[in-house]
Amino acid sequence: MKISKEEILHIANLADLNIEEKDIEKYMLNLQDILNFANIVNNAPVEGLDITIGANAKKNVFRKDEINEFKDKEALLQNAPSKEQNMFKIPKVL
């Protein structure tokens, strides 16, 4: 399937993009490359292959949330570049 200038302009209009006339040829080639690759993937031989959902058998491991109080707060605060009122002091984030 060959991409036309009109199709590029239509897609650009749908995406509310302003494409300059000198760039249309570049977009046509790039989109054509993408569609060619998609066609290769769509036509890949997959007969006889098992269905694969993930590359490994790992799954989410859920645990119950538990509140644990940290005993040695002073040792923890030693690592703080700045502290105030027994807490880490950080710059304001707006």
PDB file of N, CA and C in Angstrom:
ATOM      1  N   MET A   1       0.843  -1.178   0.000  1.00  0.00           N
ATOM      2  CA  MET A   1       0.000   0.000   0.000  1.00  0.00           C
ATOM      3  C   MET A   1       0.891   1.245   0.000  1.00  0.00           C
ATOM      4  N   LYS A   2       0.699   2.093  -0.953  1.00  0.00           N
ATOM      5  CA  LYS A   2       1.485   3.322  -1.091  1.00  0.00           C
ATOM      6  C   LYS A   2       0.750   4.465  -0.405  1.00  0.00           C
ATOM      7  N   ILE A   3       1.480   5.236   0.377  1.00  0.00           N
ATOM      8  CA  ILE A   3       0.913   6.378   1.090  1.00  0.00           C
ATOM      9  C   ILE A   3       0.942   7.596   0.168  1.00  0.00           C
ATOM     10  N   SER A   4      -0.156   8.310   0.121  1.00  0.00           N
ATOM     11  CA  SER A   4      -0.230   9.491  -0.741  1.00  0.00           C
ATOM     12  C   SER A   4      -0.067  10.766   0.084  1.00  0.00           C
ATOM     13  N   LYS A   5       0.203  11.836  -0.630  1.00  0.00           N
ATOM     14  CA  LYS A   5       0.340  13.150  -0.008  1.00  0.00           C
ATOM     15  C   LYS A   5      -0.963  13.547   0.675  1.00  0.00           C
ATOM     16  N   GLU A   6      -2.090  13.222   0.046  1.00  0.00           N
ATOM     17  CA  GLU A   6      -3.393  13.570   0.611  1.00  0.00           C
ATOM     18  C   GLU A   6      -3.627  12.841   1.938  1.00  0.00           C
ATOM     19  N   GLU A   7      -3.184  11.588   2.025  1.00  0.00           N
ATOM     20  CA  GLU A   7      -3.356  10.831   3.272  1.00  0.00           C
ATOM     21  C   GLU A   7      -2.505  11.434   4.390  1.00  0.00           C
ATOM     22  N   ILE A   8      -1.284  11.840   4.067  1.00  0.00           N
ATOM     23  CA  ILE A   8      -0.434  12.492   5.070  1.00  0.00           C
ATOM     24  C   ILE A   8      -1.086  13.783   5.551  1.00  0.00           C
ATOM     25  N   LEU A   9      -1.602  14.570   4.637  1.00  0.00           N
ATOM     26  CA  LEU A   9      -2.258  15.823   5.016  1.00  0.00           C
ATOM     27  C   LEU A   9      -3.519  15.566   5.831  1.00  0.00           C
ATOM     28  N   HIS A  10      -4.259  14.496   5.495  1.00  0.00           N
ATOM     29  CA  HIS A  10      -5.463  14.144   6.255  1.00  0.00           C
ATOM     30  C   HIS A  10      -5.091  13.724   7.680  1.00  0.00           C
ATOM     31  N   ILE A  11      -4.057  12.895   7.803  1.00  0.00           N
ATOM     32  CA  ILE A  11      -3.608  12.465   9.137  1.00  0.00           C
ATOM     33  C   ILE A  11      -3.120  13.661   9.940  1.00  0.00           C
ATOM     34  N   ALA A  12      -2.363  14.547   9.303  1.00  0.00           N
ATOM     35  CA  ALA A  12      -1.879  15.744   9.983  1.00  0.00           C
ATOM     36  C   ALA A  12      -3.051  16.614  10.447  1.00  0.00           C
ATOM     37  N   ASN A  13      -4.075  16.713   9.631  1.00  0.00           N
ATOM     38  CA  ASN A  13      -5.255  17.486  10.006  1.00  0.00           C
ATOM     39  C   ASN A  13      -5.958  16.851  11.206  1.00  0.00           C
ATOM     40  N   LEU A  14      -6.092  15.539  11.192  1.00  0.00           N
ATOM     41  CA  LEU A  14      -6.731  14.844  12.317  1.00  0.00           C
ATOM     42  C   LEU A  14      -5.948  15.034  13.611  1.00  0.00           C
ATOM     43  N   ALA A  15      -4.612  15.059  13.497  1.00  0.00           N
ATOM     44  CA  ALA A  15      -3.764  15.208  14.673  1.00  0.00           C
ATOM     45  C   ALA A  15      -3.503  16.676  15.003  1.00  0.00           C
ATOM     46  N   ASP A  16      -4.125  17.582  14.241  1.00  0.00           N
ATOM     47  CA  ASP A  16      -3.960  19.020  14.430  1.00  0.00           C
ATOM     48  C   ASP A  16      -2.488  19.418  14.356  1.00  0.00           C
ATOM     49  N   LEU A  17      -1.801  18.888  13.321  1.00  0.00           N
ATOM     50  CA  LEU A  17      -0.396  19.195  13.094  1.00  0.00           C
ATOM     51  C   LEU A  17      -0.256  20.093  11.876  1.00  0.00           C
ATOM     52  N   ASN A  18       0.673  20.993  11.939  1.00  0.00           N
ATOM     53  CA  ASN A  18       0.989  21.848  10.792  1.00  0.00           C
ATOM     54  C   ASN A  18       2.266  21.309  10.162  1.00  0.00           C
ATOM     55  N   ILE A  19       2.138  20.695   9.012  1.00  0.00           N
ATOM     56  CA  ILE A  19       3.287  20.133   8.314  1.00  0.00           C
ATOM     57  C   ILE A  19       3.627  21.046   7.149  1.00  0.00           C
ATOM     58  N   GLU A  20       4.900  21.385   7.064  1.00  0.00           N
ATOM     59  CA  GLU A  20       5.344  22.215   5.962  1.00  0.00           C
ATOM     60  C   GLU A  20       5.437  21.367   4.702  1.00  0.00           C
ATOM     61  N   GLU A  21       5.259  22.019   3.570  1.00  0.00           N
ATOM     62  CA  GLU A  21       5.259  21.334   2.276  1.00  0.00           C
ATOM     63  C   GLU A  21       6.566  20.567   2.052  1.00  0.00           C
ATOM     64  N   LYS A  22       7.688  21.140   2.502  1.00  0.00           N
ATOM     65  CA  LYS A  22       8.982  20.491   2.284  1.00  0.00           C
ATOM     66  C   LYS A  22       9.153  19.213   3.124  1.00  0.00           C
ATOM     67  N   ASP A  23       8.365  19.039   4.171  1.00  0.00           N
ATOM     68  CA  ASP A  23       8.495  17.873   5.052  1.00  0.00           C
ATOM     69  C   ASP A  23       7.551  16.735   4.692  1.00  0.00           C
ATOM     70  N   ILE A  24       6.613  16.968   3.804  1.00  0.00           N
ATOM     71  CA  ILE A  24       5.603  15.949   3.490  1.00  0.00           C
ATOM     72  C   ILE A  24       6.243  14.684   2.937  1.00  0.00           C
ATOM     73  N   GLU A  25       7.223  14.835   2.055  1.00  0.00           N
ATOM     74  CA  GLU A  25       7.888  13.660   1.472  1.00  0.00           C
ATOM     75  C   GLU A  25       8.568  12.818   2.549  1.00  0.00           C
ATOM     76  N   LYS A  26       9.198  13.474   3.525  1.00  0.00           N
ATOM     77  CA  LYS A  26       9.853  12.763   4.624  1.00  0.00           C
ATOM     78  C   LYS A  26       8.827  11.963   5.440  1.00  0.00           C
ATOM     79  N   TYR A  27       7.693  12.593   5.744  1.00  0.00           N
ATOM     80  CA  TYR A  27       6.640  11.907   6.493  1.00  0.00           C
ATOM     81  C   TYR A  27       6.060  10.738   5.698  1.00  0.00           C
ATOM     82  N   MET A  28       5.938  10.916   4.396  1.00  0.00           N
ATOM     83  CA  MET A  28       5.428   9.837   3.554  1.00  0.00           C
ATOM     84  C   MET A  28       6.360   8.624   3.620  1.00  0.00           C
ATOM     85  N   LEU A  29       7.672   8.869   3.528  1.00  0.00           N
ATOM     86  CA  LEU A  29       8.642   7.765   3.591  1.00  0.00           C
ATOM     87  C   LEU A  29       8.648   7.095   4.958  1.00  0.00           C
ATOM     88  N   ASN A  30       8.594   7.900   6.021  1.00  0.00           N
ATOM     89  CA  ASN A  30       8.597   7.333   7.376  1.00  0.00           C
ATOM     90  C   ASN A  30       7.354   6.492   7.637  1.00  0.00           C
ATOM     91  N   LEU A  31       6.206   7.013   7.255  1.00  0.00           N
ATOM     92  CA  LEU A  31       4.967   6.266   7.465  1.00  0.00           C
ATOM     93  C   LEU A  31       4.946   5.005   6.613  1.00  0.00           C
ATOM     94  N   GLN A  32       5.472   5.092   5.398  1.00  0.00           N
ATOM     95  CA  GLN A  32       5.541   3.914   4.537  1.00  0.00           C
ATOM     96  C   GLN A  32       6.430   2.839   5.159  1.00  0.00           C
ATOM     97  N   ASP A  33       7.559   3.241   5.757  1.00  0.00           N
ATOM     98  CA  ASP A  33       8.436   2.288   6.441  1.00  0.00           C
ATOM     99  C   ASP A  33       7.717   1.617   7.609  1.00  0.00           C
ATOM    100  N   ILE A  34       6.968   2.386   8.368  1.00  0.00           N
ATOM    101  CA  ILE A  34       6.226   1.837   9.511  1.00  0.00           C
ATOM    102  C   ILE A  34       5.187   0.829   9.033  1.00  0.00           C
ATOM    103  N   LEU A  35       4.451   1.189   7.996  1.00  0.00           N
ATOM    104  CA  LEU A  35       3.418   0.282   7.483  1.00  0.00           C
ATOM    105  C   LEU A  35       4.029  -0.971   6.859  1.00  0.00           C
ATOM    106  N   ASN A  36       5.172  -0.843   6.209  1.00  0.00           N
ATOM    107  CA  ASN A  36       5.856  -2.021   5.663  1.00  0.00           C
ATOM    108  C   ASN A  36       6.280  -2.969   6.776  1.00  0.00           C
ATOM    109  N   PHE A  37       6.815  -2.406   7.862  1.00  0.00           N
ATOM    110  CA  PHE A  37       7.215  -3.251   8.992  1.00  0.00           C
ATOM    111  C   PHE A  37       5.995  -3.924   9.621  1.00  0.00           C
ATOM    112  N   ALA A  38       4.897  -3.181   9.771  1.00  0.00           N
ATOM    113  CA  ALA A  38       3.673  -3.767  10.329  1.00  0.00           C
ATOM    114  C   ALA A  38       3.179  -4.897   9.440  1.00  0.00           C
ATOM    115  N   ASN A  39       3.318  -4.764   8.141  1.00  0.00           N
ATOM    116  CA  ASN A  39       2.908  -5.806   7.221  1.00  0.00           C
ATOM    117  C   ASN A  39       3.783  -7.060   7.388  1.00  0.00           C
ATOM    118  N   ILE A  40       5.077  -6.865   7.590  1.00  0.00           N
ATOM    119  CA  ILE A  40       5.977  -7.999   7.826  1.00  0.00           C
ATOM    120  C   ILE A  40       5.578  -8.732   9.105  1.00  0.00           C
ATOM    121  N   VAL A  41       5.295  -7.963  10.159  1.00  0.00           N
ATOM    122  CA  VAL A  41       4.902  -8.578  11.436  1.00  0.00           C
ATOM    123  C   VAL A  41       3.573  -9.314  11.280  1.00  0.00           C
ATOM    124  N   ASN A  42       2.620  -8.714  10.587  1.00  0.00           N
ATOM    125  CA  ASN A  42       1.311  -9.344  10.399  1.00  0.00           C
ATOM    126  C   ASN A  42       1.404 -10.642   9.602  1.00  0.00           C
ATOM    127  N   ASN A  43       2.375 -10.725   8.710  1.00  0.00           N
ATOM    128  CA  ASN A  43       2.513 -11.912   7.872  1.00  0.00           C
ATOM    129  C   ASN A  43       3.551 -12.908   8.383  1.00  0.00           C
ATOM    130  N   ALA A  44       4.038 -12.709   9.587  1.00  0.00           N
ATOM    131  CA  ALA A  44       5.032 -13.627  10.158  1.00  0.00           C
ATOM    132  C   ALA A  44       4.392 -15.001  10.348  1.00  0.00           C
ATOM    133  N   PRO A  45       5.139 -16.073  10.051  1.00  0.00           N
ATOM    134  CA  PRO A  45       4.578 -17.418  10.224  1.00  0.00           C
ATOM    135  C   PRO A  45       4.476 -17.776  11.706  1.00  0.00           C
ATOM    136  N   VAL A  46       3.257 -17.972  12.175  1.00  0.00           N
ATOM    137  CA  VAL A  46       3.033 -18.285  13.582  1.00  0.00           C
ATOM    138  C   VAL A  46       2.311 -19.609  13.770  1.00  0.00           C
ATOM    139  N   GLU A  47       2.105 -20.349  12.683  1.00  0.00           N
ATOM    140  CA  GLU A  47       1.415 -21.630  12.799  1.00  0.00           C
ATOM    141  C   GLU A  47       2.258 -22.586  13.626  1.00  0.00           C
ATOM    142  N   GLY A  48       1.619 -23.276  14.539  1.00  0.00           N
ATOM    143  CA  GLY A  48       2.294 -24.271  15.354  1.00  0.00           C
ATOM    144  C   GLY A  48       3.018 -23.707  16.565  1.00  0.00           C
ATOM    145  N   LEU A  49       2.960 -22.414  16.781  1.00  0.00           N
ATOM    146  CA  LEU A  49       3.614 -21.819  17.943  1.00  0.00           C
ATOM    147  C   LEU A  49       2.635 -21.765  19.109  1.00  0.00           C
ATOM    148  N   ASP A  50       3.164 -21.956  20.305  1.00  0.00           N
ATOM    149  CA  ASP A  50       2.337 -21.844  21.496  1.00  0.00           C
ATOM    150  C   ASP A  50       2.018 -20.370  21.762  1.00  0.00           C
ATOM    151  N   ILE A  51       0.891 -20.141  22.407  1.00  0.00           N
ATOM    152  CA  ILE A  51       0.514 -18.778  22.774  1.00  0.00           C
ATOM    153  C   ILE A  51       1.430 -18.331  23.902  1.00  0.00           C
ATOM    154  N   THR A  52       2.010 -17.159  23.750  1.00  0.00           N
ATOM    155  CA  THR A  52       2.896 -16.604  24.772  1.00  0.00           C
ATOM    156  C   THR A  52       2.348 -15.261  25.208  1.00  0.00           C
ATOM    157  N   ILE A  53       2.078 -15.148  26.491  1.00  0.00           N
ATOM    158  CA  ILE A  53       1.581 -13.884  27.015  1.00  0.00           C
ATOM    159  C   ILE A  53       2.738 -13.070  27.573  1.00  0.00           C
ATOM    160  N   GLY A  54       3.651 -13.718  28.237  1.00  0.00           N
ATOM    161  CA  GLY A  54       4.817 -13.040  28.801  1.00  0.00           C
ATOM    162  C   GLY A  54       6.059 -13.858  28.529  1.00  0.00           C
ATOM    163  N   ALA A  55       7.201 -13.231  28.690  1.00  0.00           N
ATOM    164  CA  ALA A  55       8.459 -13.920  28.423  1.00  0.00           C
ATOM    165  C   ALA A  55       8.875 -14.801  29.590  1.00  0.00           C
ATOM    166  N   ASN A  56       8.291 -14.588  30.744  1.00  0.00           N
ATOM    167  CA  ASN A  56       8.637 -15.418  31.892  1.00  0.00           C
ATOM    168  C   ASN A  56       7.379 -15.710  32.710  1.00  0.00           C
ATOM    169  N   ALA A  57       7.540 -16.557  33.682  1.00  0.00           N
ATOM    170  CA  ALA A  57       6.388 -16.999  34.469  1.00  0.00           C
ATOM    171  C   ALA A  57       6.177 -16.161  35.722  1.00  0.00           C
ATOM    172  N   LYS A  58       6.881 -15.049  35.850  1.00  0.00           N
ATOM    173  CA  LYS A  58       6.725 -14.232  37.050  1.00  0.00           C
ATOM    174  C   LYS A  58       5.349 -13.593  37.079  1.00  0.00           C
ATOM    175  N   LYS A  59       4.864 -13.366  38.268  1.00  0.00           N
ATOM    176  CA  LYS A  59       3.574 -12.722  38.438  1.00  0.00           C
ATOM    177  C   LYS A  59       3.658 -11.816  39.650  1.00  0.00           C
ATOM    178  N   ASN A  60       2.675 -10.977  39.810  1.00  0.00           N
ATOM    179  CA  ASN A  60       2.646 -10.090  40.969  1.00  0.00           C
ATOM    180  C   ASN A  60       2.501 -10.908  42.242  1.00  0.00           C
ATOM    181  N   VAL A  61       3.293 -10.570  43.217  1.00  0.00           N
ATOM    182  CA  VAL A  61       3.192 -11.223  44.516  1.00  0.00           C
ATOM    183  C   VAL A  61       2.663 -10.178  45.482  1.00  0.00           C
ATOM    184  N   PHE A  62       1.493 -10.422  45.991  1.00  0.00           N
ATOM    185  CA  PHE A  62       0.882  -9.469  46.896  1.00  0.00           C
ATOM    186  C   PHE A  62       1.154  -9.875  48.332  1.00  0.00           C
ATOM    187  N   ARG A  63       1.310  -8.879  49.163  1.00  0.00           N
ATOM    188  CA  ARG A  63       1.501  -9.141  50.584  1.00  0.00           C
ATOM    189  C   ARG A  63       0.597  -8.195  51.362  1.00  0.00           C
ATOM    190  N   LYS A  64       0.323  -8.574  52.557  1.00  0.00           N
ATOM    191  CA  LYS A  64      -0.497  -7.745  53.418  1.00  0.00           C
ATOM    192  C   LYS A  64       0.334  -6.548  53.876  1.00  0.00           C
ATOM    193  N   ASP A  65      -0.260  -5.353  53.814  1.00  0.00           N
ATOM    194  CA  ASP A  65       0.424  -4.170  54.309  1.00  0.00           C
ATOM    195  C   ASP A  65       0.480  -4.216  55.821  1.00  0.00           C
ATOM    196  N   GLU A  66       1.678  -4.064  56.340  1.00  0.00           N
ATOM    197  CA  GLU A  66       1.865  -4.053  57.784  1.00  0.00           C
ATOM    198  C   GLU A  66       2.662  -2.825  58.166  1.00  0.00           C
ATOM    199  N   ILE A  67       2.282  -2.200  59.249  1.00  0.00           N
ATOM    200  CA  ILE A  67       3.004  -1.034  59.740  1.00  0.00           C
ATOM    201  C   ILE A  67       4.084  -1.526  60.686  1.00  0.00           C
ATOM    202  N   ASN A  68       5.325  -1.176  60.370  1.00  0.00           N
ATOM    203  CA  ASN A  68       6.455  -1.520  61.221  1.00  0.00           C
ATOM    204  C   ASN A  68       7.153  -0.237  61.635  1.00  0.00           C
ATOM    205  N   GLU A  69       7.358  -0.063  62.906  1.00  0.00           N
ATOM    206  CA  GLU A  69       8.035   1.132  63.387  1.00  0.00           C
ATOM    207  C   GLU A  69       9.530   0.903  63.326  1.00  0.00           C
ATOM    208  N   PHE A  70      10.240   1.857  62.737  1.00  0.00           N
ATOM    209  CA  PHE A  70      11.695   1.752  62.637  1.00  0.00           C
ATOM    210  C   PHE A  70      12.283   2.134  63.982  1.00  0.00           C
ATOM    211  N   LYS A  71      13.110   1.279  64.536  1.00  0.00           N
ATOM    212  CA  LYS A  71      13.597   1.462  65.908  1.00  0.00           C
ATOM    213  C   LYS A  71      14.729   2.488  66.019  1.00  0.00           C
ATOM    214  N   ASP A  72      15.656   2.504  65.099  1.00  0.00           N
ATOM    215  CA  ASP A  72      16.849   3.337  65.223  1.00  0.00           C
ATOM    216  C   ASP A  72      16.746   4.565  64.315  1.00  0.00           C
ATOM    217  N   LYS A  73      15.906   5.521  64.712  1.00  0.00           N
ATOM    218  CA  LYS A  73      15.680   6.714  63.905  1.00  0.00           C
ATOM    219  C   LYS A  73      16.930   7.579  63.795  1.00  0.00           C
ATOM    220  N   GLU A  74      17.727   7.622  64.841  1.00  0.00           N
ATOM    221  CA  GLU A  74      18.953   8.422  64.804  1.00  0.00           C
ATOM    222  C   GLU A  74      19.922   7.912  63.743  1.00  0.00           C
ATOM    223  N   ALA A  75      20.051   6.604  63.622  1.00  0.00           N
ATOM    224  CA  ALA A  75      20.937   6.034  62.605  1.00  0.00           C
ATOM    225  C   ALA A  75      20.402   6.353  61.207  1.00  0.00           C
ATOM    226  N   LEU A  76      19.107   6.340  61.065  1.00  0.00           N
ATOM    227  CA  LEU A  76      18.497   6.661  59.790  1.00  0.00           C
ATOM    228  C   LEU A  76      18.739   8.127  59.428  1.00  0.00           C
ATOM    229  N   LEU A  77      18.574   9.020  60.391  1.00  0.00           N
ATOM    230  CA  LEU A  77      18.739  10.442  60.144  1.00  0.00           C
ATOM    231  C   LEU A  77      20.199  10.835  59.916  1.00  0.00           C
ATOM    232  N   GLN A  78      21.138   9.981  60.253  1.00  0.00           N
ATOM    233  CA  GLN A  78      22.548  10.246  59.972  1.00  0.00           C
ATOM    234  C   GLN A  78      22.782  10.386  58.472  1.00  0.00           C
ATOM    235  N   ASN A  79      21.990   9.697  57.679  1.00  0.00           N
ATOM    236  CA  ASN A  79      22.143   9.712  56.237  1.00  0.00           C
ATOM    237  C   ASN A  79      21.501  10.941  55.591  1.00  0.00           C
ATOM    238  N   ALA A  80      20.762  11.714  56.352  1.00  0.00           N
ATOM    239  CA  ALA A  80      20.041  12.862  55.794  1.00  0.00           C
ATOM    240  C   ALA A  80      21.016  14.006  55.531  1.00  0.00           C
ATOM    241  N   PRO A  81      20.971  14.594  54.347  1.00  0.00           N
ATOM    242  CA  PRO A  81      21.819  15.767  54.104  1.00  0.00           C
ATOM    243  C   PRO A  81      21.364  16.968  54.926  1.00  0.00           C
ATOM    244  N   SER A  82      20.068  16.993  55.262  1.00  0.00           N
ATOM    245  CA  SER A  82      19.524  18.058  56.091  1.00  0.00           C
ATOM    246  C   SER A  82      18.344  17.478  56.878  1.00  0.00           C
ATOM    247  N   LYS A  83      18.224  17.853  58.144  1.00  0.00           N
ATOM    248  CA  LYS A  83      17.110  17.342  58.952  1.00  0.00           C
ATOM    249  C   LYS A  83      16.549  18.467  59.811  1.00  0.00           C
ATOM    250  N   GLU A  84      15.287  18.290  60.189  1.00  0.00           N
ATOM    251  CA  GLU A  84      14.603  19.277  61.013  1.00  0.00           C
ATOM    252  C   GLU A  84      13.499  18.577  61.796  1.00  0.00           C
ATOM    253  N   GLN A  85      13.430  18.795  63.092  1.00  0.00           N
ATOM    254  CA  GLN A  85      12.427  18.203  63.979  1.00  0.00           C
ATOM    255  C   GLN A  85      12.348  16.682  63.812  1.00  0.00           C
ATOM    256  N   ASN A  86      13.500  16.045  63.796  1.00  0.00           N
ATOM    257  CA  ASN A  86      13.585  14.586  63.736  1.00  0.00           C
ATOM    258  C   ASN A  86      13.015  14.013  62.423  1.00  0.00           C
ATOM    259  N   MET A  87      13.102  14.812  61.337  1.00  0.00           N
ATOM    260  CA  MET A  87      12.627  14.373  60.024  1.00  0.00           C
ATOM    261  C   MET A  87      13.627  14.817  58.962  1.00  0.00           C
ATOM    262  N   PHE A  88      13.570  14.146  57.794  1.00  0.00           N
ATOM    263  CA  PHE A  88      14.352  14.588  56.652  1.00  0.00           C
ATOM    264  C   PHE A  88      13.814  15.930  56.185  1.00  0.00           C
ATOM    265  N   LYS A  89      14.711  16.878  55.880  1.00  0.00           N
ATOM    266  CA  LYS A  89      14.285  18.151  55.339  1.00  0.00           C
ATOM    267  C   LYS A  89      14.669  18.173  53.869  1.00  0.00           C
ATOM    268  N   ILE A  90      13.672  18.448  53.033  1.00  0.00           N
ATOM    269  CA  ILE A  90      13.901  18.462  51.585  1.00  0.00           C
ATOM    270  C   ILE A  90      13.483  19.816  51.046  1.00  0.00           C
ATOM    271  N   PRO A  91      13.970  20.165  49.847  1.00  0.00           N
ATOM    272  CA  PRO A  91      13.534  21.436  49.241  1.00  0.00           C
ATOM    273  C   PRO A  91      12.050  21.363  48.884  1.00  0.00           C
ATOM    274  N   LYS A  92      11.437  22.539  48.827  1.00  0.00           N
ATOM    275  CA  LYS A  92      10.017  22.611  48.443  1.00  0.00           C
ATOM    276  C   LYS A  92       9.860  22.102  47.019  1.00  0.00           C
ATOM    277  N   VAL A  93       8.789  21.364  46.807  1.00  0.00           N
ATOM    278  CA  VAL A  93       8.458  20.878  45.482  1.00  0.00           C
ATOM    279  C   VAL A  93       7.127  21.492  45.092  1.00  0.00           C
ATOM    280  N   LEU A  94       7.154  22.275  44.046  1.00  0.00           N
ATOM    281  CA  LEU A  94       5.912  22.948  43.620  1.00  0.00           C
ATOM    282  C   LEU A  94       5.408  22.363  42.356  1.00  0.00           C
TER     283      LEU A  94
END
